[in-house]
Amino acid sequence: MNNNISTKLVFLDLDVIMANYRNPKFWEKSWLIFKSKELEIKWHITNINILDNKIESCISIAPGHITRGGKRFYYSYEFTNKTGYSWYSTSCRPIPIQNSDYKQDTLNRNILNTILNTMKKMEEEFITHTYEYRKAQTLESEQNDRLREIAENFLDSENVTNDEIREAYIEKYVSDNSNNDFTSEVISGAQFKFFKTAYLHVCSWFNNKEMFDNYAQALKNFVPKKVIFKILKKYEEIETDEWLEEMKDQLEAI
């Protein structure tokens, strides 16, 4: 970045930030960190913390939606900028003022890690809008409701009326016998479904070979998992008398 505060750059120049952070015109700027067909990522200062002697900043990512298989998936937007685009903003680690130990490489890692973590959060939220995830949520809820009903019927048959005792027993029984990992399985099974090589592009943009290699290996080893068949099978299972009797066997005596 040149001293004229260019709005297009590959790296933010730490020396330029330190030379200009007190300039109000500098606060109005945003700097293009990375741009692809699907993502536009910018950096800007949000606050000068006088008490902590630090510069606070954030990265903003737009757009907050992505299209896969003809369907548009949306992210929960934090704010809307003046041009009308919806952006998602995440704070970076503060930049210390007058700290000789804080180098350019530290700033680069700071921004890169913030971007990668934000992309991961965005991808996970996109996944929560899929049919598979919603089906997993419904399954977990129905399974817990059935377990709760089994425990309630048992306590009724044992004439247990104390609300605190009942609730403690029911919560423990449901927790011990439920399988609420289906939503987590959907998320892990769909990793890289939305961004795929975007992680590599960002690492390459920052010329970070180590992180590039890590994501390249993760992409190479990644095998998408179809959890929906497992979910549908579980739906069938909790409807059977065999499952009901098996769950009743797990009831502990009062």
C-alpha atoms as a PDB file:
ATOM      1  CA  MET A   1       0.000   0.000   0.000  1.00  0.00           C
ATOM      2  CA  ASN A   2       1.367   3.427  -0.908  1.00  0.00           C
ATOM      3  CA  ASN A   3       1.360   6.482   1.316  1.00  0.00           C
ATOM      4  CA  ASN A   4      -1.505   7.997  -0.675  1.00  0.00           C
ATOM      5  CA  ILE A   5      -3.771   5.492   1.111  1.00  0.00           C
ATOM      6  CA  SER A   6      -4.705   3.441  -1.904  1.00  0.00           C
ATOM      7  CA  THR A   7      -8.027   1.636  -1.610  1.00  0.00           C
ATOM      8  CA  LYS A   8      -6.766  -1.437  -3.452  1.00  0.00           C
ATOM      9  CA  LEU A   9      -4.084  -3.655  -1.988  1.00  0.00           C
ATOM     10  CA  VAL A  10      -2.918  -7.159  -1.337  1.00  0.00           C
ATOM     11  CA  PHE A  11      -1.485  -6.443   2.105  1.00  0.00           C
ATOM     12  CA  LEU A  12      -2.259  -3.685   4.540  1.00  0.00           C
ATOM     13  CA  ASP A  13       0.940  -1.782   5.220  1.00  0.00           C
ATOM     14  CA  LEU A  14       1.475  -1.506   8.979  1.00  0.00           C
ATOM     15  CA  ASP A  15       3.743   1.533   8.605  1.00  0.00           C
ATOM     16  CA  VAL A  16       1.054   3.391   6.663  1.00  0.00           C
ATOM     17  CA  ILE A  17      -1.564   2.516   9.290  1.00  0.00           C
ATOM     18  CA  MET A  18       0.650   3.889  12.044  1.00  0.00           C
ATOM     19  CA  ALA A  19       1.354   7.033  10.035  1.00  0.00           C
ATOM     20  CA  ASN A  20      -2.305   7.754   9.270  1.00  0.00           C
ATOM     21  CA  TYR A  21      -4.536   6.286  11.987  1.00  0.00           C
ATOM     22  CA  ARG A  22      -5.057   9.728  13.580  1.00  0.00           C
ATOM     23  CA  ASN A  23      -6.262  11.207  10.290  1.00  0.00           C
ATOM     24  CA  PRO A  24     -10.121  11.395  10.141  1.00  0.00           C
ATOM     25  CA  LYS A  25     -10.009  10.893   6.359  1.00  0.00           C
ATOM     26  CA  PHE A  26      -8.234   7.606   6.967  1.00  0.00           C
ATOM     27  CA  TRP A  27     -11.133   6.424   9.147  1.00  0.00           C
ATOM     28  CA  GLU A  28     -13.566   6.823   6.245  1.00  0.00           C
ATOM     29  CA  LYS A  29     -11.583   4.499   3.999  1.00  0.00           C
ATOM     30  CA  SER A  30     -12.043   0.794   3.491  1.00  0.00           C
ATOM     31  CA  TRP A  31      -9.412  -1.362   1.830  1.00  0.00           C
ATOM     32  CA  LEU A  32     -10.081  -4.162  -0.554  1.00  0.00           C
ATOM     33  CA  ILE A  33      -8.313  -7.232   0.825  1.00  0.00           C
ATOM     34  CA  PHE A  34      -9.664  -9.869  -1.524  1.00  0.00           C
ATOM     35  CA  LYS A  35     -12.276 -10.130  -4.240  1.00  0.00           C
ATOM     36  CA  SER A  36     -13.585 -13.119  -6.144  1.00  0.00           C
ATOM     37  CA  LYS A  37     -16.776 -14.006  -7.976  1.00  0.00           C
ATOM     38  CA  GLU A  38     -18.461 -14.964  -4.698  1.00  0.00           C
ATOM     39  CA  LEU A  39     -16.724 -12.875  -2.039  1.00  0.00           C
ATOM     40  CA  GLU A  40     -15.575  -9.326  -1.500  1.00  0.00           C
ATOM     41  CA  ILE A  41     -13.550  -8.739   1.659  1.00  0.00           C
ATOM     42  CA  LYS A  42     -12.609  -5.334   3.038  1.00  0.00           C
ATOM     43  CA  TRP A  43     -10.774  -3.970   6.086  1.00  0.00           C
ATOM     44  CA  HIS A  44     -11.346  -0.730   7.940  1.00  0.00           C
ATOM     45  CA  ILE A  45     -10.668   0.922  11.290  1.00  0.00           C
ATOM     46  CA  THR A  46     -13.574   0.960  13.729  1.00  0.00           C
ATOM     47  CA  ASN A  47     -12.117   2.657  16.786  1.00  0.00           C
ATOM     48  CA  ILE A  48      -8.999   4.193  18.327  1.00  0.00           C
ATOM     49  CA  ASN A  49      -8.904   2.906  21.900  1.00  0.00           C
ATOM     50  CA  ILE A  50      -7.048   5.577  23.857  1.00  0.00           C
ATOM     51  CA  LEU A  51      -7.187   3.772  27.201  1.00  0.00           C
ATOM     52  CA  ASP A  52      -5.673   0.555  25.825  1.00  0.00           C
ATOM     53  CA  ASN A  53      -3.493   2.378  23.286  1.00  0.00           C
ATOM     54  CA  LYS A  54      -4.750   0.152  20.468  1.00  0.00           C
ATOM     55  CA  ILE A  55      -6.294   0.446  17.021  1.00  0.00           C
ATOM     56  CA  GLU A  56      -9.478  -1.576  16.624  1.00  0.00           C
ATOM     57  CA  SER A  57     -10.519  -2.758  13.187  1.00  0.00           C
ATOM     58  CA  CYS A  58     -12.691  -5.278  11.411  1.00  0.00           C
ATOM     59  CA  ILE A  59     -13.046  -7.147   8.176  1.00  0.00           C
ATOM     60  CA  SER A  60     -16.339  -7.038   6.283  1.00  0.00           C
ATOM     61  CA  ILE A  61     -17.510  -9.662   3.836  1.00  0.00           C
ATOM     62  CA  ALA A  62     -20.152  -9.378   1.123  1.00  0.00           C
ATOM     63  CA  PRO A  63     -22.367 -10.618  -0.299  1.00  0.00           C
ATOM     64  CA  GLY A  64     -24.164 -12.411   2.505  1.00  0.00           C
ATOM     65  CA  HIS A  65     -25.645 -15.011   0.228  1.00  0.00           C
ATOM     66  CA  ILE A  66     -24.407 -17.724  -2.067  1.00  0.00           C
ATOM     67  CA  THR A  67     -26.086 -19.889  -4.702  1.00  0.00           C
ATOM     68  CA  ARG A  68     -25.708 -23.657  -4.830  1.00  0.00           C
ATOM     69  CA  GLY A  69     -27.815 -26.055  -6.861  1.00  0.00           C
ATOM     70  CA  GLY A  70     -30.092 -23.253  -8.019  1.00  0.00           C
ATOM     71  CA  LYS A  71     -30.926 -22.296  -4.402  1.00  0.00           C
ATOM     72  CA  ARG A  72     -29.796 -19.110  -2.678  1.00  0.00           C
ATOM     73  CA  PHE A  73     -28.505 -19.415   0.881  1.00  0.00           C
ATOM     74  CA  TYR A  74     -28.341 -16.374   3.151  1.00  0.00           C
ATOM     75  CA  TYR A  75     -26.159 -15.264   6.031  1.00  0.00           C
ATOM     76  CA  SER A  76     -27.329 -13.137   8.991  1.00  0.00           C
ATOM     77  CA  TYR A  77     -26.158  -9.665   8.090  1.00  0.00           C
ATOM     78  CA  GLU A  78     -24.649  -7.314  10.667  1.00  0.00           C
ATOM     79  CA  PHE A  79     -25.098  -4.016   8.834  1.00  0.00           C
ATOM     80  CA  THR A  80     -25.708  -2.477   5.416  1.00  0.00           C
ATOM     81  CA  ASN A  81     -23.213  -0.079   3.879  1.00  0.00           C
ATOM     82  CA  LYS A  82     -24.016   3.059   1.927  1.00  0.00           C
ATOM     83  CA  THR A  83     -24.212   1.276  -1.415  1.00  0.00           C
ATOM     84  CA  GLY A  84     -27.004  -0.970  -0.207  1.00  0.00           C
ATOM     85  CA  TYR A  85     -25.003  -4.203  -0.135  1.00  0.00           C
ATOM     86  CA  SER A  86     -25.393  -6.395   2.912  1.00  0.00           C
ATOM     87  CA  TRP A  87     -22.132  -7.080   4.721  1.00  0.00           C
ATOM     88  CA  TYR A  88     -21.040  -9.249   7.593  1.00  0.00           C
ATOM     89  CA  SER A  89     -18.478  -7.703   9.937  1.00  0.00           C
ATOM     90  CA  THR A  90     -16.002  -9.408  12.297  1.00  0.00           C
ATOM     91  CA  SER A  91     -13.559  -7.653  14.608  1.00  0.00           C
ATOM     92  CA  CYS A  92      -9.848  -8.302  14.182  1.00  0.00           C
ATOM     93  CA  ARG A  93      -7.450  -8.537  17.096  1.00  0.00           C
ATOM     94  CA  PRO A  94      -6.489  -4.971  18.146  1.00  0.00           C
ATOM     95  CA  ILE A  95      -3.332  -3.447  16.699  1.00  0.00           C
ATOM     96  CA  PRO A  96      -1.092  -2.083  19.462  1.00  0.00           C
ATOM     97  CA  ILE A  97       0.240   1.453  19.090  1.00  0.00           C
ATOM     98  CA  GLN A  98       3.961   2.075  19.716  1.00  0.00           C
ATOM     99  CA  ASN A  99       4.781  -1.607  20.074  1.00  0.00           C
ATOM    100  CA  SER A 100       7.996  -2.526  18.261  1.00  0.00           C
ATOM    101  CA  ASP A 101       7.248  -6.254  18.654  1.00  0.00           C
ATOM    102  CA  TYR A 102       4.151  -5.962  16.452  1.00  0.00           C
ATOM    103  CA  LYS A 103       5.381  -6.569  12.899  1.00  0.00           C
ATOM    104  CA  GLN A 104       3.865  -6.698   9.418  1.00  0.00           C
ATOM    105  CA  ASP A 105       3.704 -10.495   9.527  1.00  0.00           C
ATOM    106  CA  THR A 106       1.677 -10.293  12.747  1.00  0.00           C
ATOM    107  CA  LEU A 107      -0.836  -7.970  11.107  1.00  0.00           C
ATOM    108  CA  ASN A 108      -1.093 -10.251   8.077  1.00  0.00           C
ATOM    109  CA  ARG A 109      -1.783 -13.305  10.258  1.00  0.00           C
ATOM    110  CA  ASN A 110      -4.270 -11.306  12.296  1.00  0.00           C
ATOM    111  CA  ILE A 111      -6.336 -10.352   9.250  1.00  0.00           C
ATOM    112  CA  LEU A 112      -5.982 -13.712   7.517  1.00  0.00           C
ATOM    113  CA  ASN A 113      -7.133 -15.652  10.595  1.00  0.00           C
ATOM    114  CA  THR A 114     -10.096 -13.306  11.029  1.00  0.00           C
ATOM    115  CA  ILE A 115     -11.123 -13.818   7.411  1.00  0.00           C
ATOM    116  CA  LEU A 116     -10.782 -17.608   7.515  1.00  0.00           C
ATOM    117  CA  ASN A 117     -12.695 -17.893  10.799  1.00  0.00           C
ATOM    118  CA  THR A 118     -15.456 -15.663   9.458  1.00  0.00           C
ATOM    119  CA  MET A 119     -15.721 -17.674   6.255  1.00  0.00           C
ATOM    120  CA  LYS A 120     -16.056 -20.838   8.327  1.00  0.00           C
ATOM    121  CA  LYS A 121     -18.837 -19.264  10.419  1.00  0.00           C
ATOM    122  CA  MET A 122     -20.610 -18.102   7.271  1.00  0.00           C
ATOM    123  CA  GLU A 123     -20.328 -21.537   5.694  1.00  0.00           C
ATOM    124  CA  GLU A 124     -21.747 -23.199   8.812  1.00  0.00           C
ATOM    125  CA  GLU A 125     -24.713 -20.854   8.794  1.00  0.00           C
ATOM    126  CA  PHE A 126     -25.338 -21.525   5.114  1.00  0.00           C
ATOM    127  CA  ILE A 127     -25.441 -25.229   6.000  1.00  0.00           C
ATOM    128  CA  THR A 128     -28.117 -24.593   8.648  1.00  0.00           C
ATOM    129  CA  HIS A 129     -30.443 -23.505   5.830  1.00  0.00           C
ATOM    130  CA  THR A 130     -30.201 -26.827   4.015  1.00  0.00           C
ATOM    131  CA  TYR A 131     -32.966 -29.430   3.992  1.00  0.00           C
ATOM    132  CA  GLU A 132     -30.641 -31.966   5.571  1.00  0.00           C
ATOM    133  CA  TYR A 133     -29.851 -29.756   8.559  1.00  0.00           C
ATOM    134  CA  ARG A 134     -33.484 -28.833   9.193  1.00  0.00           C
ATOM    135  CA  LYS A 135     -34.417 -32.510   9.030  1.00  0.00           C
ATOM    136  CA  ALA A 136     -31.692 -33.286  11.589  1.00  0.00           C
ATOM    137  CA  GLN A 137     -33.032 -30.576  13.894  1.00  0.00           C
ATOM    138  CA  THR A 138     -36.545 -31.989  13.672  1.00  0.00           C
ATOM    139  CA  LEU A 139     -35.304 -35.500  14.359  1.00  0.00           C
ATOM    140  CA  GLU A 140     -33.388 -34.431  17.459  1.00  0.00           C
ATOM    141  CA  SER A 141     -36.427 -32.541  18.745  1.00  0.00           C
ATOM    142  CA  GLU A 142     -38.846 -35.429  18.133  1.00  0.00           C
ATOM    143  CA  GLN A 143     -36.446 -37.942  19.664  1.00  0.00           C
ATOM    144  CA  ASN A 144     -36.128 -35.833  22.814  1.00  0.00           C
ATOM    145  CA  ASP A 145     -39.899 -35.367  23.006  1.00  0.00           C
ATOM    146  CA  ARG A 146     -40.430 -39.133  22.849  1.00  0.00           C
ATOM    147  CA  LEU A 147     -37.818 -39.758  25.524  1.00  0.00           C
ATOM    148  CA  ARG A 148     -39.349 -37.096  27.713  1.00  0.00           C
ATOM    149  CA  GLU A 149     -42.782 -38.719  27.324  1.00  0.00           C
ATOM    150  CA  ILE A 150     -41.363 -42.127  28.320  1.00  0.00           C
ATOM    151  CA  ALA A 151     -39.818 -40.632  31.456  1.00  0.00           C
ATOM    152  CA  GLU A 152     -42.977 -38.711  32.354  1.00  0.00           C
ATOM    153  CA  ASN A 153     -45.148 -41.828  32.025  1.00  0.00           C
ATOM    154  CA  PHE A 154     -42.725 -43.757  34.205  1.00  0.00           C
ATOM    155  CA  LEU A 155     -42.759 -41.099  36.929  1.00  0.00           C
ATOM    156  CA  ASP A 156     -46.560 -41.000  36.784  1.00  0.00           C
ATOM    157  CA  SER A 157     -46.690 -44.771  37.300  1.00  0.00           C
ATOM    158  CA  GLU A 158     -44.349 -44.381  40.295  1.00  0.00           C
ATOM    159  CA  ASN A 159     -46.525 -41.599  41.741  1.00  0.00           C
ATOM    160  CA  VAL A 160     -43.673 -39.094  41.715  1.00  0.00           C
ATOM    161  CA  THR A 161     -45.274 -35.645  41.986  1.00  0.00           C
ATOM    162  CA  ASN A 162     -42.422 -33.396  43.152  1.00  0.00           C
ATOM    163  CA  ASP A 163     -41.695 -31.061  40.234  1.00  0.00           C
ATOM    164  CA  GLU A 164     -37.994 -30.653  41.003  1.00  0.00           C
ATOM    165  CA  ILE A 165     -37.437 -34.405  41.265  1.00  0.00           C
ATOM    166  CA  ARG A 166     -39.404 -35.029  38.077  1.00  0.00           C
ATOM    167  CA  GLU A 167     -37.549 -32.404  36.067  1.00  0.00           C
ATOM    168  CA  ALA A 168     -34.118 -33.557  37.256  1.00  0.00           C
ATOM    169  CA  TYR A 169     -34.940 -37.192  36.432  1.00  0.00           C
ATOM    170  CA  ILE A 170     -36.378 -36.359  33.022  1.00  0.00           C
ATOM    171  CA  GLU A 171     -33.476 -34.123  32.007  1.00  0.00           C
ATOM    172  CA  LYS A 172     -30.906 -36.745  32.977  1.00  0.00           C
ATOM    173  CA  TYR A 173     -32.803 -39.530  31.241  1.00  0.00           C
ATOM    174  CA  VAL A 174     -33.168 -37.549  28.013  1.00  0.00           C
ATOM    175  CA  SER A 175     -29.514 -36.483  28.115  1.00  0.00           C
ATOM    176  CA  ASP A 176     -28.280 -40.038  28.725  1.00  0.00           C
ATOM    177  CA  ASN A 177     -30.338 -41.629  25.962  1.00  0.00           C
ATOM    178  CA  SER A 178     -30.608 -39.082  23.169  1.00  0.00           C
ATOM    179  CA  ASN A 179     -28.394 -38.818  20.131  1.00  0.00           C
ATOM    180  CA  ASN A 180     -28.190 -35.111  19.339  1.00  0.00           C
ATOM    181  CA  ASP A 181     -25.177 -35.268  17.069  1.00  0.00           C
ATOM    182  CA  PHE A 182     -27.088 -35.312  13.789  1.00  0.00           C
ATOM    183  CA  THR A 183     -26.926 -31.539  13.269  1.00  0.00           C
ATOM    184  CA  SER A 184     -23.185 -31.594  14.003  1.00  0.00           C
ATOM    185  CA  GLU A 185     -22.743 -34.446  11.541  1.00  0.00           C
ATOM    186  CA  VAL A 186     -24.530 -32.460   8.842  1.00  0.00           C
ATOM    187  CA  ILE A 187     -22.210 -29.475   9.385  1.00  0.00           C
ATOM    188  CA  SER A 188     -19.016 -31.534   9.399  1.00  0.00           C
ATOM    189  CA  GLY A 189     -20.228 -33.581   6.450  1.00  0.00           C
ATOM    190  CA  ALA A 190     -20.827 -30.464   4.348  1.00  0.00           C
ATOM    191  CA  GLN A 191     -17.597 -28.638   5.114  1.00  0.00           C
ATOM    192  CA  PHE A 192     -16.246 -26.835   2.023  1.00  0.00           C
ATOM    193  CA  LYS A 193     -19.642 -27.329   0.341  1.00  0.00           C
ATOM    194  CA  PHE A 194     -20.102 -23.601  -0.158  1.00  0.00           C
ATOM    195  CA  PHE A 195     -16.656 -22.030  -0.376  1.00  0.00           C
ATOM    196  CA  LYS A 196     -14.429 -24.913  -1.460  1.00  0.00           C
ATOM    197  CA  THR A 197     -11.316 -23.329  -2.981  1.00  0.00           C
ATOM    198  CA  ALA A 198     -12.060 -19.839  -1.621  1.00  0.00           C
ATOM    199  CA  TYR A 199     -10.007 -20.722   1.442  1.00  0.00           C
ATOM    200  CA  LEU A 200      -7.060 -21.457  -0.837  1.00  0.00           C
ATOM    201  CA  HIS A 201      -7.526 -18.220  -2.748  1.00  0.00           C
ATOM    202  CA  VAL A 202      -7.437 -16.149   0.432  1.00  0.00           C
ATOM    203  CA  CYS A 203      -4.333 -17.939   1.761  1.00  0.00           C
ATOM    204  CA  SER A 204      -2.663 -17.454  -1.595  1.00  0.00           C
ATOM    205  CA  TRP A 205      -3.642 -13.781  -1.609  1.00  0.00           C
ATOM    206  CA  PHE A 206      -1.737 -13.387   1.660  1.00  0.00           C
ATOM    207  CA  ASN A 207       1.127 -15.534   0.370  1.00  0.00           C
ATOM    208  CA  ASN A 208       0.781 -17.808   3.415  1.00  0.00           C
ATOM    209  CA  LYS A 209       2.166 -21.130   2.181  1.00  0.00           C
ATOM    210  CA  GLU A 210       1.705 -22.961   5.483  1.00  0.00           C
ATOM    211  CA  MET A 211      -2.006 -22.230   5.738  1.00  0.00           C
ATOM    212  CA  PHE A 212      -2.444 -22.768   2.009  1.00  0.00           C
ATOM    213  CA  ASP A 213      -0.920 -26.240   2.327  1.00  0.00           C
ATOM    214  CA  ASN A 214      -3.088 -27.029   5.376  1.00  0.00           C
ATOM    215  CA  TYR A 215      -6.302 -26.159   3.554  1.00  0.00           C
ATOM    216  CA  ALA A 216      -5.147 -27.874   0.376  1.00  0.00           C
ATOM    217  CA  GLN A 217      -4.598 -31.081   2.342  1.00  0.00           C
ATOM    218  CA  ALA A 218      -7.953 -30.719   4.102  1.00  0.00           C
ATOM    219  CA  LEU A 219      -9.700 -30.280   0.755  1.00  0.00           C
ATOM    220  CA  LYS A 220      -7.865 -33.274  -0.659  1.00  0.00           C
ATOM    221  CA  ASN A 221      -8.922 -35.480   2.263  1.00  0.00           C
ATOM    222  CA  PHE A 222     -12.457 -34.151   2.486  1.00  0.00           C
ATOM    223  CA  VAL A 223     -15.210 -36.567   1.502  1.00  0.00           C
ATOM    224  CA  PRO A 224     -18.767 -35.138   1.617  1.00  0.00           C
ATOM    225  CA  LYS A 225     -21.021 -37.225   3.838  1.00  0.00           C
ATOM    226  CA  LYS A 226     -24.666 -37.888   3.071  1.00  0.00           C
ATOM    227  CA  VAL A 227     -26.180 -37.875   6.542  1.00  0.00           C
ATOM    228  CA  ILE A 228     -29.781 -37.721   5.313  1.00  0.00           C
ATOM    229  CA  PHE A 229     -30.046 -41.502   4.942  1.00  0.00           C
ATOM    230  CA  LYS A 230     -28.889 -41.966   8.519  1.00  0.00           C
ATOM    231  CA  ILE A 231     -31.438 -39.388   9.665  1.00  0.00           C
ATOM    232  CA  LEU A 232     -34.319 -41.022   7.821  1.00  0.00           C
ATOM    233  CA  LYS A 233     -33.326 -44.417   9.220  1.00  0.00           C
ATOM    234  CA  LYS A 234     -33.384 -42.976  12.746  1.00  0.00           C
ATOM    235  CA  TYR A 235     -36.844 -41.533  12.087  1.00  0.00           C
ATOM    236  CA  GLU A 236     -38.081 -45.033  11.316  1.00  0.00           C
ATOM    237  CA  GLU A 237     -36.326 -46.490  14.343  1.00  0.00           C
ATOM    238  CA  ILE A 238     -37.919 -44.202  16.958  1.00  0.00           C
ATOM    239  CA  GLU A 239     -41.345 -45.198  15.642  1.00  0.00           C
ATOM    240  CA  THR A 240     -40.863 -48.896  16.418  1.00  0.00           C
ATOM    241  CA  ASP A 241     -41.976 -50.862  19.474  1.00  0.00           C
ATOM    242  CA  GLU A 242     -38.463 -52.269  19.733  1.00  0.00           C
ATOM    243  CA  TRP A 243     -36.990 -48.816  20.256  1.00  0.00           C
ATOM    244  CA  LEU A 244     -39.696 -47.964  22.790  1.00  0.00           C
ATOM    245  CA  GLU A 245     -38.992 -51.086  24.852  1.00  0.00           C
ATOM    246  CA  GLU A 246     -35.255 -50.543  24.618  1.00  0.00           C
ATOM    247  CA  MET A 247     -35.651 -47.013  25.951  1.00  0.00           C
ATOM    248  CA  LYS A 248     -37.913 -48.209  28.776  1.00  0.00           C
ATOM    249  CA  ASP A 249     -35.166 -50.601  29.826  1.00  0.00           C
ATOM    250  CA  GLN A 250     -32.941 -47.577  30.378  1.00  0.00           C
ATOM    251  CA  LEU A 251     -35.248 -46.107  33.031  1.00  0.00           C
ATOM    252  CA  GLU A 252     -33.629 -46.047  36.448  1.00  0.00           C
ATOM    253  CA  ALA A 253     -35.575 -47.097  39.503  1.00  0.00           C
ATOM    254  CA  ILE A 254     -36.743 -44.323  41.806  1.00  0.00           C
END
